[in-house]
């Protein structure tokens, strides 16, 4: 709740939300103004998910996003996903 109170996404700069389970990692681009999901990706490899979400964002003319780590610490799969998305062209 503390993180989401400070972070909000718009259509031009959506929120890149992360969720981890035991088997997969999920990423969504969310427009909080309209409460809609603009793009989503999932998989077991964080780097591939990061690249896929960046490709989907760039296909929809989204060049920057607000990173929402979902309460997870910025290590491991969360940082791998973020670095892969940045490397694929998404700015945050």
N, C-alpha and C. Protein backbone atom coordinates (compact mmCIF):
# COMPACT_ATOMS: atom_id res chain seq x y z
N UNK A 1 0.82 -1.19 0.00
CA UNK A 1 0.00 0.00 0.00
C UNK A 1 0.86 1.25 0.00
N UNK A 2 1.97 1.20 0.69
CA UNK A 2 2.85 2.36 0.75
C UNK A 2 3.43 2.69 -0.61
N UNK A 3 3.80 1.66 -1.37
CA UNK A 3 4.37 1.87 -2.69
C UNK A 3 3.31 2.42 -3.64
N UNK A 4 2.12 1.83 -3.63
CA UNK A 4 1.07 2.25 -4.56
C UNK A 4 0.51 3.62 -4.24
N UNK A 5 0.69 4.09 -3.01
CA UNK A 5 0.25 5.44 -2.66
C UNK A 5 1.13 6.48 -3.35
N UNK A 6 2.36 6.13 -3.66
CA UNK A 6 3.30 7.06 -4.27
C UNK A 6 3.40 6.90 -5.78
N UNK A 7 3.03 5.73 -6.31
CA UNK A 7 3.20 5.42 -7.72
C UNK A 7 1.83 5.33 -8.40
N UNK A 8 1.71 5.99 -9.53
CA UNK A 8 0.49 5.93 -10.31
C UNK A 8 0.86 5.98 -11.78
N UNK A 9 0.14 5.26 -12.61
CA UNK A 9 0.43 5.22 -14.02
C UNK A 9 -0.62 5.94 -14.85
N UNK A 10 -0.19 6.50 -15.96
CA UNK A 10 -1.11 7.14 -16.91
C UNK A 10 -0.99 6.42 -18.24
N UNK A 11 -1.76 6.87 -19.23
CA UNK A 11 -1.69 6.23 -20.54
C UNK A 11 -0.34 6.47 -21.19
N UNK A 12 0.21 7.68 -21.03
CA UNK A 12 1.51 8.00 -21.62
C UNK A 12 2.65 7.33 -20.87
N UNK A 13 2.51 7.21 -19.55
CA UNK A 13 3.55 6.60 -18.72
C UNK A 13 2.89 5.62 -17.74
N UNK A 14 2.58 4.40 -18.20
CA UNK A 14 1.87 3.44 -17.35
C UNK A 14 2.76 2.85 -16.26
N UNK A 15 2.11 2.19 -15.34
CA UNK A 15 2.81 1.54 -14.23
C UNK A 15 3.19 0.12 -14.66
N UNK A 16 4.47 -0.21 -14.55
CA UNK A 16 4.95 -1.57 -14.84
C UNK A 16 4.93 -2.35 -13.53
N UNK A 17 3.91 -3.18 -13.37
CA UNK A 17 3.69 -3.91 -12.13
C UNK A 17 4.26 -5.33 -12.25
N UNK A 18 4.90 -5.79 -11.18
CA UNK A 18 5.55 -7.10 -11.14
C UNK A 18 4.85 -7.99 -10.11
N UNK A 19 4.67 -9.27 -10.45
CA UNK A 19 4.19 -10.26 -9.50
C UNK A 19 5.01 -11.53 -9.69
N UNK A 20 5.47 -12.11 -8.58
CA UNK A 20 6.24 -13.35 -8.63
C UNK A 20 5.46 -14.46 -7.95
N UNK A 21 5.46 -15.63 -8.56
CA UNK A 21 4.96 -16.83 -7.91
C UNK A 21 6.11 -17.82 -7.82
N UNK A 22 5.84 -19.01 -7.32
CA UNK A 22 6.90 -20.00 -7.21
C UNK A 22 7.38 -20.50 -8.57
N UNK A 23 6.51 -20.43 -9.58
CA UNK A 23 6.85 -21.00 -10.88
C UNK A 23 7.02 -19.97 -11.98
N UNK A 24 6.48 -18.76 -11.82
CA UNK A 24 6.50 -17.80 -12.93
C UNK A 24 6.64 -16.38 -12.39
N UNK A 25 6.92 -15.47 -13.32
CA UNK A 25 6.95 -14.04 -13.01
C UNK A 25 6.05 -13.35 -14.03
N UNK A 26 5.25 -12.41 -13.55
CA UNK A 26 4.27 -11.71 -14.36
C UNK A 26 4.59 -10.23 -14.40
N UNK A 27 4.34 -9.59 -15.53
CA UNK A 27 4.54 -8.14 -15.68
C UNK A 27 3.34 -7.57 -16.41
N UNK A 28 2.85 -6.42 -15.93
CA UNK A 28 1.72 -5.75 -16.56
C UNK A 28 2.00 -4.27 -16.69
N UNK A 29 1.54 -3.68 -17.77
CA UNK A 29 1.54 -2.23 -17.93
C UNK A 29 0.12 -1.76 -17.65
N UNK A 30 -0.04 -0.95 -16.62
CA UNK A 30 -1.37 -0.58 -16.14
C UNK A 30 -1.57 0.93 -16.23
N UNK A 31 -2.72 1.33 -16.79
CA UNK A 31 -3.16 2.72 -16.81
C UNK A 31 -4.09 2.90 -15.62
N UNK A 32 -3.61 3.57 -14.57
CA UNK A 32 -4.40 3.73 -13.35
C UNK A 32 -5.52 4.75 -13.49
N UNK A 33 -5.44 5.64 -14.48
CA UNK A 33 -6.51 6.60 -14.69
C UNK A 33 -7.79 5.91 -15.13
N UNK A 34 -7.65 4.94 -16.02
CA UNK A 34 -8.82 4.21 -16.54
C UNK A 34 -8.95 2.80 -15.96
N UNK A 35 -8.02 2.41 -15.09
CA UNK A 35 -8.01 1.07 -14.48
C UNK A 35 -8.02 -0.03 -15.53
N UNK A 36 -7.13 0.09 -16.52
CA UNK A 36 -7.03 -0.91 -17.57
C UNK A 36 -5.60 -1.42 -17.70
N UNK A 37 -5.48 -2.65 -18.14
CA UNK A 37 -4.18 -3.24 -18.43
C UNK A 37 -3.89 -3.04 -19.91
N UNK A 38 -2.78 -2.38 -20.20
CA UNK A 38 -2.42 -2.09 -21.58
C UNK A 38 -1.66 -3.24 -22.23
N UNK A 39 -0.83 -3.94 -21.46
CA UNK A 39 -0.06 -5.08 -21.98
C UNK A 39 0.33 -5.96 -20.81
N UNK A 40 0.53 -7.24 -21.08
CA UNK A 40 0.97 -8.15 -20.02
C UNK A 40 1.84 -9.25 -20.61
N UNK A 41 2.71 -9.79 -19.76
CA UNK A 41 3.60 -10.87 -20.16
C UNK A 41 3.85 -11.75 -18.96
N UNK A 42 4.09 -13.03 -19.21
CA UNK A 42 4.42 -13.95 -18.12
C UNK A 42 5.36 -15.02 -18.62
N UNK A 43 6.06 -15.63 -17.70
CA UNK A 43 6.97 -16.71 -18.04
C UNK A 43 7.83 -17.08 -16.85
N UNK A 44 8.66 -18.06 -17.02
CA UNK A 44 9.52 -18.50 -15.92
C UNK A 44 10.88 -17.81 -15.95
N UNK A 45 11.27 -17.26 -17.10
CA UNK A 45 12.54 -16.56 -17.24
C UNK A 45 12.30 -15.06 -17.18
N UNK A 46 12.87 -14.40 -16.18
CA UNK A 46 12.63 -12.97 -15.95
C UNK A 46 13.15 -12.12 -17.10
N UNK A 47 14.27 -12.48 -17.68
CA UNK A 47 14.83 -11.70 -18.78
C UNK A 47 13.93 -11.72 -20.01
N UNK A 48 13.38 -12.89 -20.33
CA UNK A 48 12.49 -12.99 -21.48
C UNK A 48 11.20 -12.22 -21.25
N UNK A 49 10.69 -12.25 -20.02
CA UNK A 49 9.47 -11.50 -19.69
C UNK A 49 9.74 -10.00 -19.81
N UNK A 50 10.89 -9.55 -19.35
CA UNK A 50 11.26 -8.15 -19.46
C UNK A 50 11.37 -7.70 -20.91
N UNK A 51 11.98 -8.52 -21.74
CA UNK A 51 12.11 -8.19 -23.16
C UNK A 51 10.74 -8.18 -23.84
N UNK A 52 9.89 -9.15 -23.49
CA UNK A 52 8.56 -9.25 -24.10
C UNK A 52 7.68 -8.05 -23.72
N UNK A 53 7.70 -7.64 -22.45
CA UNK A 53 6.87 -6.51 -22.04
C UNK A 53 7.37 -5.22 -22.67
N UNK A 54 8.67 -5.09 -22.86
CA UNK A 54 9.20 -3.91 -23.53
C UNK A 54 8.80 -3.88 -25.00
N UNK A 55 8.82 -5.03 -25.67
CA UNK A 55 8.39 -5.09 -27.07
C UNK A 55 6.92 -4.73 -27.21
N UNK A 56 6.09 -5.24 -26.31
CA UNK A 56 4.66 -4.93 -26.35
C UNK A 56 4.42 -3.45 -26.09
N UNK A 57 5.19 -2.87 -25.19
CA UNK A 57 5.05 -1.44 -24.88
C UNK A 57 5.46 -0.59 -26.08
N UNK A 58 6.57 -0.91 -26.69
CA UNK A 58 7.04 -0.14 -27.83
C UNK A 58 6.10 -0.29 -29.03
N UNK A 59 5.45 -1.44 -29.16
CA UNK A 59 4.47 -1.63 -30.23
C UNK A 59 3.25 -0.74 -30.03
N UNK A 60 2.96 -0.38 -28.78
CA UNK A 60 1.84 0.51 -28.47
C UNK A 60 2.29 1.95 -28.29
N UNK A 61 3.50 2.27 -28.73
CA UNK A 61 4.08 3.62 -28.65
C UNK A 61 4.27 4.11 -27.22
N UNK A 62 4.56 3.20 -26.32
CA UNK A 62 4.87 3.54 -24.92
C UNK A 62 6.37 3.43 -24.76
N UNK A 63 7.03 4.56 -24.47
CA UNK A 63 8.48 4.56 -24.38
C UNK A 63 8.98 4.60 -22.94
N UNK A 64 8.13 5.04 -22.00
CA UNK A 64 8.56 5.11 -20.60
C UNK A 64 7.45 4.60 -19.70
N UNK A 65 7.84 4.14 -18.53
CA UNK A 65 6.89 3.59 -17.57
C UNK A 65 7.37 3.92 -16.15
N UNK A 66 6.49 3.71 -15.20
CA UNK A 66 6.81 3.84 -13.79
C UNK A 66 6.96 2.43 -13.25
N UNK A 67 8.08 2.12 -12.62
CA UNK A 67 8.35 0.75 -12.16
C UNK A 67 7.74 0.52 -10.78
N UNK A 68 6.87 -0.47 -10.69
CA UNK A 68 6.23 -0.88 -9.43
C UNK A 68 6.73 -2.28 -9.11
N UNK A 69 7.64 -2.37 -8.15
CA UNK A 69 8.23 -3.67 -7.81
C UNK A 69 7.31 -4.53 -6.97
N UNK A 70 6.14 -4.03 -6.59
CA UNK A 70 5.13 -4.82 -5.89
C UNK A 70 5.52 -5.25 -4.49
N UNK A 71 6.39 -4.51 -3.84
CA UNK A 71 6.80 -4.86 -2.49
C UNK A 71 7.98 -5.81 -2.42
N UNK A 72 8.39 -6.33 -3.57
CA UNK A 72 9.56 -7.23 -3.61
C UNK A 72 10.83 -6.38 -3.57
N UNK A 73 11.88 -6.92 -2.96
CA UNK A 73 13.14 -6.19 -2.96
C UNK A 73 13.77 -6.26 -4.35
N UNK A 74 14.55 -5.26 -4.68
CA UNK A 74 15.09 -5.12 -6.03
C UNK A 74 16.35 -5.98 -6.19
N UNK A 75 16.18 -7.28 -6.14
CA UNK A 75 17.26 -8.23 -6.38
C UNK A 75 16.69 -9.41 -7.14
N UNK A 76 17.55 -10.25 -7.65
CA UNK A 76 17.13 -11.48 -8.29
C UNK A 76 16.29 -11.26 -9.53
N UNK A 77 15.13 -11.93 -9.58
CA UNK A 77 14.28 -11.89 -10.76
C UNK A 77 13.72 -10.50 -11.03
N UNK A 78 13.45 -9.73 -9.98
CA UNK A 78 12.90 -8.39 -10.17
C UNK A 78 13.91 -7.49 -10.88
N UNK A 79 15.15 -7.53 -10.46
CA UNK A 79 16.16 -6.70 -11.11
C UNK A 79 16.49 -7.22 -12.51
N UNK A 80 16.47 -8.53 -12.72
CA UNK A 80 16.70 -9.09 -14.05
C UNK A 80 15.63 -8.62 -15.03
N UNK A 81 14.37 -8.65 -14.59
CA UNK A 81 13.28 -8.20 -15.44
C UNK A 81 13.42 -6.72 -15.77
N UNK A 82 13.74 -5.91 -14.78
CA UNK A 82 13.89 -4.47 -14.99
C UNK A 82 15.04 -4.17 -15.95
N UNK A 83 16.16 -4.81 -15.76
CA UNK A 83 17.32 -4.58 -16.62
C UNK A 83 17.05 -5.03 -18.07
N UNK A 84 16.35 -6.15 -18.22
CA UNK A 84 16.03 -6.63 -19.57
C UNK A 84 15.05 -5.68 -20.26
N UNK A 85 14.09 -5.13 -19.52
CA UNK A 85 13.14 -4.18 -20.11
C UNK A 85 13.84 -2.90 -20.51
N UNK A 86 14.77 -2.44 -19.68
CA UNK A 86 15.54 -1.24 -20.02
C UNK A 86 16.41 -1.48 -21.24
N UNK A 87 17.04 -2.64 -21.29
CA UNK A 87 17.91 -2.97 -22.42
C UNK A 87 17.12 -3.07 -23.73
N UNK A 88 15.86 -3.49 -23.64
CA UNK A 88 15.01 -3.63 -24.84
C UNK A 88 14.40 -2.30 -25.27
N UNK A 89 14.61 -1.23 -24.48
CA UNK A 89 14.18 0.09 -24.93
C UNK A 89 13.14 0.79 -24.09
N UNK A 90 12.69 0.20 -23.00
CA UNK A 90 11.69 0.84 -22.13
C UNK A 90 12.41 1.66 -21.06
N UNK A 91 12.03 2.91 -20.90
CA UNK A 91 12.68 3.80 -19.94
C UNK A 91 11.87 3.91 -18.66
N UNK A 92 12.54 3.76 -17.52
CA UNK A 92 11.95 4.04 -16.21
C UNK A 92 13.04 4.23 -15.20
